[in-house]
Amino acid sequence: NNSVKTQTKNTHQISIIDVSQLPYEVLEIITGLLGRVILEFVSNFSPEERGNFPIVIVLEEAQNYIAEERDSVAKTVFERIAREGRKYGISLIVSSQRPSELSKTVLSQCNSFIIHRLQNPDDQKYVKGLISSANADLLEQLPIIPQQHAIVTGDCVRTPVQARIDDVIPTPNSHNPRYISNWIGNNSISYE
């Protein structure tokens, strides 16, 4: 048998680096260092090899390390990744409950947005100015979007839409505590 077998190595993987327990002073330095290591890694590839190892960096609670009002190593690195990352095969997903506090440089490079309910008027105003492609009626729904729904706009859709986000399994442990039922229920503690 003269057939040649080709082996392909599976390079798809997810690495989660949980920095949520780090002190605030260290958080910006560590995230900046991680971003810099990734950027240096891909920038050493030859132009022909770029994109062979696509990388997606997800910045959860991004206001903690790429805040507009604060200069930090992390902000500098992720602003550079937002501006230049595509040519190296790096994509950036920025997640925050406070978009008005995020680096304007990073957000200006975003080409798609998934926006859940926003209660804060400053955040609503900022998002409305950021995504002028969505119609005003859709954006007026920002404070009343139901849970598990979002406005999706940008390059990822032909026209801005409100969408329901699929359930995840297992369900995250992110439900609000039942304060009122606990306050009025039989769960009270007696001090005698």
N, C-alpha and C. Protein backbone atom coordinates (compact mmCIF):
# COMPACT_ATOMS: atom_id res chain seq x y z
N ASN A 1 0.85 -1.17 0.00
CA ASN A 1 0.00 0.00 0.00
C ASN A 1 0.90 1.24 0.00
N ASN A 2 0.79 2.03 -1.03
CA ASN A 2 1.63 3.21 -1.18
C ASN A 2 0.93 4.49 -0.75
N SER A 3 -0.17 4.35 -0.05
CA SER A 3 -0.89 5.58 0.36
C SER A 3 -0.13 6.28 1.48
N VAL A 4 -0.18 7.58 1.41
CA VAL A 4 0.50 8.40 2.41
C VAL A 4 -0.55 8.91 3.38
N LYS A 5 -0.28 8.69 4.65
CA LYS A 5 -1.20 9.18 5.67
C LYS A 5 -0.70 10.54 6.15
N THR A 6 -1.61 11.47 6.16
CA THR A 6 -1.24 12.78 6.68
C THR A 6 -1.81 12.92 8.08
N GLN A 7 -0.99 13.41 8.94
CA GLN A 7 -1.45 13.65 10.31
C GLN A 7 -1.71 15.13 10.48
N THR A 8 -2.83 15.43 11.06
CA THR A 8 -3.11 16.81 11.39
C THR A 8 -3.19 16.91 12.90
N LYS A 9 -2.54 17.87 13.40
CA LYS A 9 -2.54 18.08 14.84
C LYS A 9 -3.67 19.04 15.17
N ASN A 10 -4.47 18.67 16.13
CA ASN A 10 -5.57 19.52 16.54
C ASN A 10 -5.03 20.65 17.42
N THR A 11 -5.11 21.85 16.90
CA THR A 11 -4.59 23.00 17.64
C THR A 11 -5.71 23.80 18.30
N HIS A 12 -6.92 23.29 18.27
CA HIS A 12 -8.04 24.00 18.87
C HIS A 12 -8.07 23.70 20.36
N GLN A 13 -8.01 24.72 21.15
CA GLN A 13 -8.10 24.53 22.58
C GLN A 13 -8.59 25.81 23.23
N ILE A 14 -9.10 25.67 24.43
CA ILE A 14 -9.52 26.81 25.21
C ILE A 14 -8.70 26.82 26.49
N SER A 15 -8.10 27.94 26.77
CA SER A 15 -7.37 28.11 28.02
C SER A 15 -8.05 29.23 28.78
N ILE A 16 -8.48 28.93 29.98
CA ILE A 16 -9.13 29.93 30.81
C ILE A 16 -8.16 30.30 31.93
N ILE A 17 -7.85 31.57 31.99
CA ILE A 17 -6.97 32.06 33.05
C ILE A 17 -7.83 32.95 33.95
N ASP A 18 -8.16 32.44 35.12
CA ASP A 18 -9.04 33.13 36.05
C ASP A 18 -8.20 34.05 36.94
N VAL A 19 -8.35 35.34 36.73
CA VAL A 19 -7.61 36.31 37.54
C VAL A 19 -8.55 37.07 38.46
N SER A 20 -9.76 36.54 38.65
CA SER A 20 -10.77 37.26 39.42
C SER A 20 -10.42 37.42 40.89
N GLN A 21 -9.58 36.56 41.42
CA GLN A 21 -9.23 36.65 42.83
C GLN A 21 -7.97 37.47 43.10
N LEU A 22 -7.36 37.99 42.04
CA LEU A 22 -6.15 38.79 42.22
C LEU A 22 -6.49 40.16 42.79
N PRO A 23 -5.62 40.70 43.63
CA PRO A 23 -5.84 42.08 44.10
C PRO A 23 -5.81 43.04 42.92
N TYR A 24 -6.58 44.10 43.03
CA TYR A 24 -6.72 45.07 41.95
C TYR A 24 -5.38 45.59 41.47
N GLU A 25 -4.45 45.85 42.38
CA GLU A 25 -3.15 46.40 42.01
C GLU A 25 -2.36 45.45 41.12
N VAL A 26 -2.57 44.15 41.28
CA VAL A 26 -1.83 43.15 40.52
C VAL A 26 -2.56 42.78 39.24
N LEU A 27 -3.88 42.92 39.24
CA LEU A 27 -4.72 42.50 38.12
C LEU A 27 -4.29 43.15 36.80
N GLU A 28 -4.10 44.46 36.80
CA GLU A 28 -3.72 45.17 35.57
C GLU A 28 -2.36 44.71 35.06
N ILE A 29 -1.43 44.46 35.97
CA ILE A 29 -0.08 44.04 35.57
C ILE A 29 -0.10 42.64 34.97
N ILE A 30 -0.80 41.72 35.62
CA ILE A 30 -0.85 40.33 35.14
C ILE A 30 -1.57 40.24 33.80
N THR A 31 -2.72 40.91 33.67
CA THR A 31 -3.44 40.85 32.39
C THR A 31 -2.64 41.52 31.28
N GLY A 32 -1.97 42.62 31.61
CA GLY A 32 -1.11 43.28 30.62
C GLY A 32 0.03 42.38 30.19
N LEU A 33 0.62 41.68 31.14
CA LEU A 33 1.71 40.75 30.84
C LEU A 33 1.22 39.61 29.94
N LEU A 34 0.06 39.05 30.25
CA LEU A 34 -0.49 37.96 29.43
C LEU A 34 -0.77 38.45 28.00
N GLY A 35 -1.37 39.62 27.89
CA GLY A 35 -1.63 40.18 26.56
C GLY A 35 -0.35 40.42 25.79
N ARG A 36 0.66 40.93 26.48
CA ARG A 36 1.95 41.20 25.83
C ARG A 36 2.63 39.92 25.36
N VAL A 37 2.57 38.85 26.18
CA VAL A 37 3.17 37.57 25.80
C VAL A 37 2.49 37.02 24.55
N ILE A 38 1.16 37.11 24.51
CA ILE A 38 0.42 36.61 23.34
C ILE A 38 0.77 37.43 22.10
N LEU A 39 0.80 38.74 22.24
CA LEU A 39 1.13 39.61 21.10
C LEU A 39 2.55 39.35 20.60
N GLU A 40 3.50 39.20 21.50
CA GLU A 40 4.89 38.90 21.11
C GLU A 40 4.98 37.55 20.42
N PHE A 41 4.23 36.57 20.92
CA PHE A 41 4.24 35.22 20.32
C PHE A 41 3.82 35.28 18.85
N VAL A 42 2.69 35.91 18.58
CA VAL A 42 2.19 35.92 17.21
C VAL A 42 2.95 36.88 16.31
N SER A 43 3.54 37.93 16.88
CA SER A 43 4.26 38.88 16.03
C SER A 43 5.58 38.32 15.52
N ASN A 44 6.05 37.21 16.08
CA ASN A 44 7.28 36.58 15.60
C ASN A 44 7.05 35.62 14.44
N PHE A 45 5.78 35.38 14.09
CA PHE A 45 5.50 34.55 12.92
C PHE A 45 5.83 35.31 11.65
N SER A 46 6.21 34.58 10.62
CA SER A 46 6.40 35.22 9.32
C SER A 46 5.02 35.59 8.77
N PRO A 47 4.96 36.56 7.87
CA PRO A 47 3.66 36.97 7.33
C PRO A 47 2.85 35.81 6.74
N GLU A 48 3.55 34.82 6.17
CA GLU A 48 2.83 33.67 5.58
C GLU A 48 2.18 32.79 6.66
N GLU A 49 2.77 32.77 7.85
CA GLU A 49 2.26 31.92 8.93
C GLU A 49 1.19 32.60 9.78
N ARG A 50 1.08 33.92 9.67
CA ARG A 50 0.11 34.64 10.49
C ARG A 50 -1.30 34.14 10.20
N GLY A 51 -2.03 33.94 11.23
CA GLY A 51 -3.39 33.43 11.10
C GLY A 51 -3.48 31.93 11.16
N ASN A 52 -2.35 31.21 11.12
CA ASN A 52 -2.38 29.75 11.24
C ASN A 52 -2.81 29.32 12.64
N PHE A 53 -2.55 30.17 13.62
CA PHE A 53 -2.94 29.90 15.00
C PHE A 53 -3.82 31.06 15.48
N PRO A 54 -5.08 31.10 15.01
CA PRO A 54 -5.94 32.22 15.41
C PRO A 54 -6.17 32.19 16.93
N ILE A 55 -6.14 33.36 17.52
CA ILE A 55 -6.30 33.48 18.97
C ILE A 55 -7.43 34.46 19.23
N VAL A 56 -8.31 34.09 20.14
CA VAL A 56 -9.37 34.98 20.59
C VAL A 56 -9.15 35.21 22.08
N ILE A 57 -8.99 36.47 22.45
CA ILE A 57 -8.83 36.83 23.85
C ILE A 57 -10.14 37.43 24.33
N VAL A 58 -10.67 36.88 25.42
CA VAL A 58 -11.91 37.38 26.00
C VAL A 58 -11.57 38.12 27.28
N LEU A 59 -11.94 39.39 27.32
CA LEU A 59 -11.70 40.22 28.50
C LEU A 59 -13.01 40.36 29.26
N GLU A 60 -13.20 39.53 30.26
CA GLU A 60 -14.41 39.56 31.09
C GLU A 60 -14.24 40.62 32.17
N GLU A 61 -15.31 41.37 32.46
CA GLU A 61 -15.24 42.48 33.42
C GLU A 61 -14.11 43.43 33.05
N ALA A 62 -14.08 43.79 31.78
CA ALA A 62 -12.97 44.55 31.20
C ALA A 62 -12.76 45.91 31.83
N GLN A 63 -13.76 46.47 32.46
CA GLN A 63 -13.59 47.78 33.10
C GLN A 63 -12.55 47.74 34.21
N ASN A 64 -12.21 46.55 34.68
CA ASN A 64 -11.22 46.43 35.75
C ASN A 64 -9.79 46.61 35.26
N TYR A 65 -9.54 46.47 33.95
CA TYR A 65 -8.17 46.60 33.47
C TYR A 65 -7.99 47.37 32.18
N ILE A 66 -9.05 47.81 31.53
CA ILE A 66 -8.89 48.70 30.38
C ILE A 66 -9.81 49.91 30.52
N ALA A 67 -9.79 50.50 31.69
CA ALA A 67 -10.63 51.67 31.96
C ALA A 67 -10.07 52.90 31.24
N GLU A 68 -10.95 53.70 30.70
CA GLU A 68 -10.56 54.92 29.98
C GLU A 68 -9.86 55.91 30.90
N GLU A 69 -10.32 56.03 32.12
CA GLU A 69 -9.83 57.06 33.03
C GLU A 69 -8.51 56.72 33.71
N ARG A 70 -7.95 55.54 33.44
CA ARG A 70 -6.74 55.11 34.14
C ARG A 70 -5.72 54.61 33.14
N ASP A 71 -4.50 55.03 33.28
CA ASP A 71 -3.43 54.49 32.45
C ASP A 71 -2.85 53.27 33.14
N SER A 72 -2.64 52.21 32.37
CA SER A 72 -2.07 50.99 32.93
C SER A 72 -1.37 50.21 31.83
N VAL A 73 -0.57 49.26 32.24
CA VAL A 73 0.10 48.38 31.29
C VAL A 73 -0.93 47.62 30.47
N ALA A 74 -1.95 47.11 31.15
CA ALA A 74 -2.98 46.32 30.46
C ALA A 74 -3.70 47.16 29.41
N LYS A 75 -4.05 48.38 29.75
CA LYS A 75 -4.76 49.24 28.80
C LYS A 75 -3.89 49.49 27.57
N THR A 76 -2.62 49.77 27.78
CA THR A 76 -1.71 50.01 26.66
C THR A 76 -1.61 48.79 25.75
N VAL A 77 -1.46 47.61 26.34
CA VAL A 77 -1.31 46.38 25.57
C VAL A 77 -2.59 46.05 24.81
N PHE A 78 -3.74 46.13 25.47
CA PHE A 78 -4.98 45.74 24.80
C PHE A 78 -5.43 46.79 23.79
N GLU A 79 -5.05 48.04 23.96
CA GLU A 79 -5.31 49.03 22.91
C GLU A 79 -4.49 48.69 21.67
N ARG A 80 -3.25 48.25 21.87
CA ARG A 80 -2.42 47.85 20.73
C ARG A 80 -3.00 46.60 20.05
N ILE A 81 -3.44 45.64 20.84
CA ILE A 81 -4.06 44.43 20.26
C ILE A 81 -5.32 44.81 19.50
N ALA A 82 -6.12 45.72 20.03
CA ALA A 82 -7.35 46.15 19.34
C ALA A 82 -7.03 46.80 18.00
N ARG A 83 -5.94 47.59 17.96
CA ARG A 83 -5.57 48.29 16.73
C ARG A 83 -4.87 47.38 15.72
N GLU A 84 -3.97 46.51 16.19
CA GLU A 84 -3.09 45.76 15.29
C GLU A 84 -3.29 44.25 15.32
N GLY A 85 -4.10 43.75 16.22
CA GLY A 85 -4.22 42.30 16.42
C GLY A 85 -4.69 41.53 15.21
N ARG A 86 -5.57 42.12 14.41
CA ARG A 86 -6.12 41.39 13.26
C ARG A 86 -5.03 40.96 12.30
N LYS A 87 -4.01 41.78 12.10
CA LYS A 87 -2.97 41.39 11.15
C LYS A 87 -2.12 40.24 11.66
N TYR A 88 -2.21 39.95 12.96
CA TYR A 88 -1.48 38.82 13.55
C TYR A 88 -2.39 37.62 13.82
N GLY A 89 -3.68 37.76 13.57
CA GLY A 89 -4.61 36.66 13.83
C GLY A 89 -5.17 36.66 15.24
N ILE A 90 -5.16 37.81 15.90
CA ILE A 90 -5.72 37.91 17.26
C ILE A 90 -7.04 38.67 17.19
N SER A 91 -8.06 38.11 17.80
CA SER A 91 -9.34 38.79 17.94
C SER A 91 -9.55 39.09 19.42
N LEU A 92 -10.32 40.11 19.69
CA LEU A 92 -10.55 40.55 21.06
C LEU A 92 -12.05 40.62 21.30
N ILE A 93 -12.50 39.98 22.38
CA ILE A 93 -13.89 40.09 22.81
C ILE A 93 -13.86 40.81 24.15
N VAL A 94 -14.59 41.92 24.23
CA VAL A 94 -14.59 42.75 25.42
C VAL A 94 -15.97 42.65 26.06
N SER A 95 -16.00 42.26 27.33
CA SER A 95 -17.26 42.11 28.06
C SER A 95 -17.24 43.00 29.29
N SER A 96 -18.29 43.80 29.45
CA SER A 96 -18.34 44.71 30.58
C SER A 96 -19.78 45.12 30.85
N GLN A 97 -20.09 45.34 32.11
CA GLN A 97 -21.39 45.89 32.46
C GLN A 97 -21.36 47.41 32.49
N ARG A 98 -20.21 48.00 32.29
CA ARG A 98 -20.05 49.46 32.30
C ARG A 98 -19.31 49.93 31.06
N PRO A 99 -19.91 49.88 29.87
CA PRO A 99 -19.21 50.26 28.64
C PRO A 99 -18.70 51.69 28.63
N SER A 100 -19.35 52.60 29.33
CA SER A 100 -18.91 54.00 29.31
C SER A 100 -17.57 54.19 30.02
N GLU A 101 -17.14 53.21 30.81
CA GLU A 101 -15.87 53.30 31.53
C GLU A 101 -14.70 52.68 30.77
N LEU A 102 -14.98 52.02 29.64
CA LEU A 102 -13.94 51.30 28.90
C LEU A 102 -13.12 52.22 28.00
N SER A 103 -11.94 51.74 27.65
CA SER A 103 -11.06 52.46 26.73
C SER A 103 -11.79 52.75 25.43
N LYS A 104 -11.85 54.00 25.08
CA LYS A 104 -12.50 54.39 23.83
C LYS A 104 -11.73 53.88 22.62
N THR A 105 -10.42 53.75 22.75
CA THR A 105 -9.60 53.20 21.66
C THR A 105 -9.99 51.76 21.38
N VAL A 106 -10.15 50.95 22.43
CA VAL A 106 -10.52 49.54 22.24
C VAL A 106 -11.92 49.46 21.63
N LEU A 107 -12.88 50.17 22.20
CA LEU A 107 -14.25 50.08 21.69
C LEU A 107 -14.40 50.61 20.28
N SER A 108 -13.60 51.60 19.90
CA SER A 108 -13.70 52.12 18.54
C SER A 108 -13.25 51.11 17.49
N GLN A 109 -12.49 50.11 17.90
CA GLN A 109 -12.02 49.07 16.99
C GLN A 109 -12.98 47.90 16.88
N CYS A 110 -14.00 47.86 17.74
CA CYS A 110 -14.97 46.76 17.71
C CYS A 110 -15.86 46.90 16.48
N ASN A 111 -16.12 45.78 15.81
CA ASN A 111 -16.98 45.86 14.63
C ASN A 111 -18.32 45.17 14.82
N SER A 112 -18.53 44.53 15.97
CA SER A 112 -19.81 43.92 16.29
C SER A 112 -20.09 44.12 17.77
N PHE A 113 -21.37 44.25 18.11
CA PHE A 113 -21.77 44.48 19.49
C PHE A 113 -22.94 43.59 19.85
N ILE A 114 -22.89 43.01 21.04
CA ILE A 114 -24.00 42.28 21.62
C ILE A 114 -24.29 42.99 22.93
N ILE A 115 -25.42 43.68 22.99
CA ILE A 115 -25.71 44.57 24.11
C ILE A 115 -26.91 44.06 24.89
N HIS A 116 -26.67 43.72 26.13
CA HIS A 116 -27.74 43.30 27.02
C HIS A 116 -28.32 44.54 27.71
N ARG A 117 -29.25 44.33 28.60
CA ARG A 117 -29.92 45.44 29.28
C ARG A 117 -28.91 46.37 29.96
N LEU A 118 -29.10 47.66 29.76
CA LEU A 118 -28.28 48.69 30.40
C LEU A 118 -29.19 49.62 31.18
N GLN A 119 -29.00 49.70 32.47
CA GLN A 119 -29.83 50.58 33.31
C GLN A 119 -29.22 51.96 33.47
N ASN A 120 -27.90 52.06 33.49
CA ASN A 120 -27.22 53.30 33.75
C ASN A 120 -27.37 54.26 32.57
N PRO A 121 -27.88 55.48 32.80
CA PRO A 121 -28.07 56.44 31.71
C PRO A 121 -26.77 56.80 30.97
N ASP A 122 -25.65 56.87 31.70
CA ASP A 122 -24.37 57.17 31.05
C ASP A 122 -23.98 56.07 30.08
N ASP A 123 -24.19 54.81 30.48
CA ASP A 123 -23.87 53.69 29.60
C ASP A 123 -24.79 53.67 28.39
N GLN A 124 -26.09 53.95 28.61
CA GLN A 124 -27.04 53.98 27.49
C GLN A 124 -26.64 55.06 26.48
N LYS A 125 -26.32 56.24 26.96
CA LYS A 125 -25.95 57.34 26.08
C LYS A 125 -24.68 57.01 25.31
N TYR A 126 -23.71 56.43 25.99
CA TYR A 126 -22.44 56.09 25.35
C TYR A 126 -22.65 55.05 24.25
N VAL A 127 -23.42 54.01 24.54
CA VAL A 127 -23.67 52.94 23.55
C VAL A 127 -24.45 53.49 22.37
N LYS A 128 -25.41 54.35 22.61
CA LYS A 128 -26.18 54.93 21.50
C LYS A 128 -25.27 55.72 20.56
N GLY A 129 -24.30 56.42 21.11
CA GLY A 129 -23.35 57.16 20.28
C GLY A 129 -22.37 56.26 19.57
N LEU A 130 -22.07 55.12 20.17
CA LEU A 130 -21.08 54.19 19.63
C LEU A 130 -21.63 53.40 18.45
N ILE A 131 -22.90 53.04 18.51
CA ILE A 131 -23.47 52.17 17.47
C ILE A 131 -24.61 52.88 16.75
N SER A 132 -24.27 53.85 15.98
CA SER A 132 -25.28 54.62 15.27
C SER A 132 -25.97 53.81 14.18
N SER A 133 -25.47 52.60 13.89
CA SER A 133 -26.07 51.78 12.84
C SER A 133 -27.43 51.21 13.25
N ALA A 134 -27.66 51.08 14.54
CA ALA A 134 -28.95 50.53 15.00
C ALA A 134 -29.97 51.65 15.01
N ASN A 135 -31.23 51.28 14.74
CA ASN A 135 -32.24 52.34 14.72
C ASN A 135 -32.59 52.78 16.14
N ALA A 136 -33.06 54.00 16.25
CA ALA A 136 -33.31 54.61 17.56
C ALA A 136 -34.33 53.82 18.37
N ASP A 137 -35.37 53.29 17.72
CA ASP A 137 -36.39 52.54 18.45
C ASP A 137 -35.79 51.31 19.14
N LEU A 138 -34.90 50.63 18.46
CA LEU A 138 -34.26 49.46 19.04
C LEU A 138 -33.39 49.86 20.23
N LEU A 139 -32.65 50.95 20.10
CA LEU A 139 -31.78 51.39 21.18
C LEU A 139 -32.55 51.94 22.37
N GLU A 140 -33.77 52.41 22.16
CA GLU A 140 -34.59 52.89 23.27
C GLU A 140 -34.98 51.74 24.20
N GLN A 141 -34.85 50.52 23.73
CA GLN A 141 -35.20 49.35 24.53
C GLN A 141 -34.08 48.92 25.48
N LEU A 142 -32.92 49.59 25.43
CA LEU A 142 -31.79 49.18 26.26
C LEU A 142 -32.13 48.99 27.74
N PRO A 143 -32.91 49.88 28.37
CA PRO A 143 -33.18 49.67 29.80
C PRO A 143 -34.24 48.62 30.10
N ILE A 144 -34.94 48.14 29.07
CA ILE A 144 -36.05 47.21 29.33
C ILE A 144 -35.89 45.87 28.61
N ILE A 145 -34.74 45.62 28.04
CA ILE A 145 -34.54 44.33 27.36
C ILE A 145 -34.72 43.22 28.39
N PRO A 146 -35.52 42.19 28.06
CA PRO A 146 -35.71 41.09 29.01
C PRO A 146 -34.41 40.33 29.28
N GLN A 147 -34.38 39.65 30.41
CA GLN A 147 -33.22 38.83 30.74
C GLN A 147 -33.02 37.80 29.63
N GLN A 148 -31.78 37.55 29.29
CA GLN A 148 -31.36 36.58 28.27
C GLN A 148 -31.65 37.06 26.84
N HIS A 149 -31.90 38.35 26.69
CA HIS A 149 -32.08 38.96 25.38
C HIS A 149 -30.99 40.01 25.17
N ALA A 150 -30.71 40.33 23.91
CA ALA A 150 -29.68 41.32 23.61
C ALA A 150 -29.96 41.95 22.25
N ILE A 151 -29.42 43.15 22.06
CA ILE A 151 -29.43 43.79 20.75
C ILE A 151 -28.10 43.42 20.09
N VAL A 152 -28.18 42.89 18.88
CA VAL A 152 -26.99 42.48 18.14
C VAL A 152 -26.86 43.38 16.92
N THR A 153 -25.69 43.99 16.78
CA THR A 153 -25.47 44.92 15.68
C THR A 153 -24.02 44.88 15.23
N GLY A 154 -23.76 45.36 14.04
CA GLY A 154 -22.40 45.40 13.52
C GLY A 154 -22.20 44.44 12.37
N ASP A 155 -20.94 44.11 12.10
CA ASP A 155 -20.59 43.26 10.96
C ASP A 155 -21.14 41.84 11.07
N CYS A 156 -21.50 41.40 12.26
CA CYS A 156 -21.95 40.01 12.44
C CYS A 156 -23.39 39.78 11.98
N VAL A 157 -24.15 40.86 11.72
CA VAL A 157 -25.53 40.73 11.25
C VAL A 157 -25.78 41.73 10.12
N ARG A 158 -26.75 41.42 9.28
CA ARG A 158 -27.06 42.33 8.17
C ARG A 158 -27.76 43.58 8.65
N THR A 159 -28.62 43.41 9.64
CA THR A 159 -29.35 44.53 10.20
C THR A 159 -29.44 44.33 11.70
N PRO A 160 -29.42 45.40 12.49
CA PRO A 160 -29.51 45.24 13.94
C PRO A 160 -30.79 44.52 14.34
N VAL A 161 -30.67 43.60 15.28
CA VAL A 161 -31.81 42.81 15.73
C VAL A 161 -31.76 42.63 17.24
N GLN A 162 -32.93 42.32 17.80
CA GLN A 162 -32.97 41.87 19.18
C GLN A 162 -33.06 40.35 19.14
N ALA A 163 -32.21 39.69 19.89
CA ALA A 163 -32.16 38.23 19.85
C ALA A 163 -32.23 37.66 21.27
N ARG A 164 -32.75 36.45 21.35
CA ARG A 164 -32.74 35.71 22.62
C ARG A 164 -31.49 34.85 22.63
N ILE A 165 -30.74 34.92 23.70
CA ILE A 165 -29.52 34.14 23.85
C ILE A 165 -29.89 32.74 24.33
N ASP A 166 -29.30 31.72 23.70
CA ASP A 166 -29.60 30.33 24.04
C ASP A 166 -29.26 30.02 25.49
N ASP A 167 -29.96 29.04 26.03
CA ASP A 167 -29.64 28.53 27.37
C ASP A 167 -28.29 27.84 27.33
N VAL A 168 -27.60 27.86 28.43
CA VAL A 168 -26.34 27.12 28.53
C VAL A 168 -26.53 25.98 29.52
N ILE A 169 -25.80 24.91 29.26
CA ILE A 169 -25.86 23.75 30.14
C ILE A 169 -24.44 23.40 30.53
N PRO A 170 -24.12 23.37 31.79
CA PRO A 170 -25.00 23.60 32.94
C PRO A 170 -25.29 25.09 33.12
N THR A 171 -26.42 25.36 33.75
CA THR A 171 -26.83 26.73 34.00
C THR A 171 -25.85 27.38 34.98
N PRO A 172 -25.40 28.60 34.68
CA PRO A 172 -24.48 29.25 35.61
C PRO A 172 -25.16 29.59 36.92
N ASN A 173 -24.40 29.62 37.97
CA ASN A 173 -24.93 29.96 39.29
C ASN A 173 -24.90 31.47 39.44
N SER A 174 -25.78 32.15 38.71
CA SER A 174 -25.76 33.61 38.69
C SER A 174 -27.11 34.23 39.02
N HIS A 175 -27.99 33.45 39.63
CA HIS A 175 -29.30 33.98 39.97
C HIS A 175 -29.20 34.93 41.15
N ASN A 176 -30.10 35.90 41.17
CA ASN A 176 -30.13 36.85 42.27
C ASN A 176 -30.63 36.16 43.53
N PRO A 177 -30.09 36.52 44.69
CA PRO A 177 -30.62 35.95 45.94
C PRO A 177 -32.07 36.38 46.13
N ARG A 178 -32.83 35.57 46.83
CA ARG A 178 -34.24 35.87 47.07
C ARG A 178 -34.37 36.61 48.41
N TYR A 179 -34.02 37.90 48.38
CA TYR A 179 -34.00 38.68 49.60
C TYR A 179 -35.36 38.74 50.29
N ILE A 180 -36.37 39.12 49.54
CA ILE A 180 -37.68 39.35 50.15
C ILE A 180 -38.23 38.07 50.75
N SER A 181 -38.18 36.97 49.99
CA SER A 181 -38.71 35.71 50.54
C SER A 181 -37.90 35.27 51.76
N ASN A 182 -36.61 35.56 51.78
CA ASN A 182 -35.81 35.22 52.95
C ASN A 182 -36.13 36.13 54.14
N TRP A 183 -36.42 37.41 53.87
CA TRP A 183 -36.74 38.33 54.95
C TRP A 183 -38.08 38.02 55.60
N ILE A 184 -39.07 37.65 54.78
CA ILE A 184 -40.40 37.43 55.34
C ILE A 184 -40.69 35.96 55.62
N GLY A 185 -39.79 35.08 55.22
CA GLY A 185 -40.00 33.65 55.41
C GLY A 185 -39.66 33.19 56.81
N ASN A 186 -39.66 31.90 56.98
CA ASN A 186 -39.36 31.30 58.27
C ASN A 186 -37.87 31.10 58.48
N ASN A 187 -37.06 31.77 57.69
CA ASN A 187 -35.61 31.61 57.77
C ASN A 187 -35.00 32.61 58.75
N SER A 188 -35.84 33.29 59.54
CA SER A 188 -35.30 34.30 60.43
C SER A 188 -34.56 33.67 61.59
N ILE A 189 -33.60 34.39 62.11
CA ILE A 189 -32.80 33.91 63.23
C ILE A 189 -33.29 34.61 64.48
N SER A 190 -33.48 33.88 65.51
CA SER A 190 -33.96 34.44 66.76
C SER A 190 -32.79 34.62 67.73
N TYR A 191 -32.69 35.80 68.33
CA TYR A 191 -31.65 36.08 69.32
C TYR A 191 -32.32 36.21 70.69
N GLU A 192 -32.26 35.19 71.48
CA GLU A 192 -32.90 35.25 72.80
C GLU A 192 -31.88 35.20 73.89
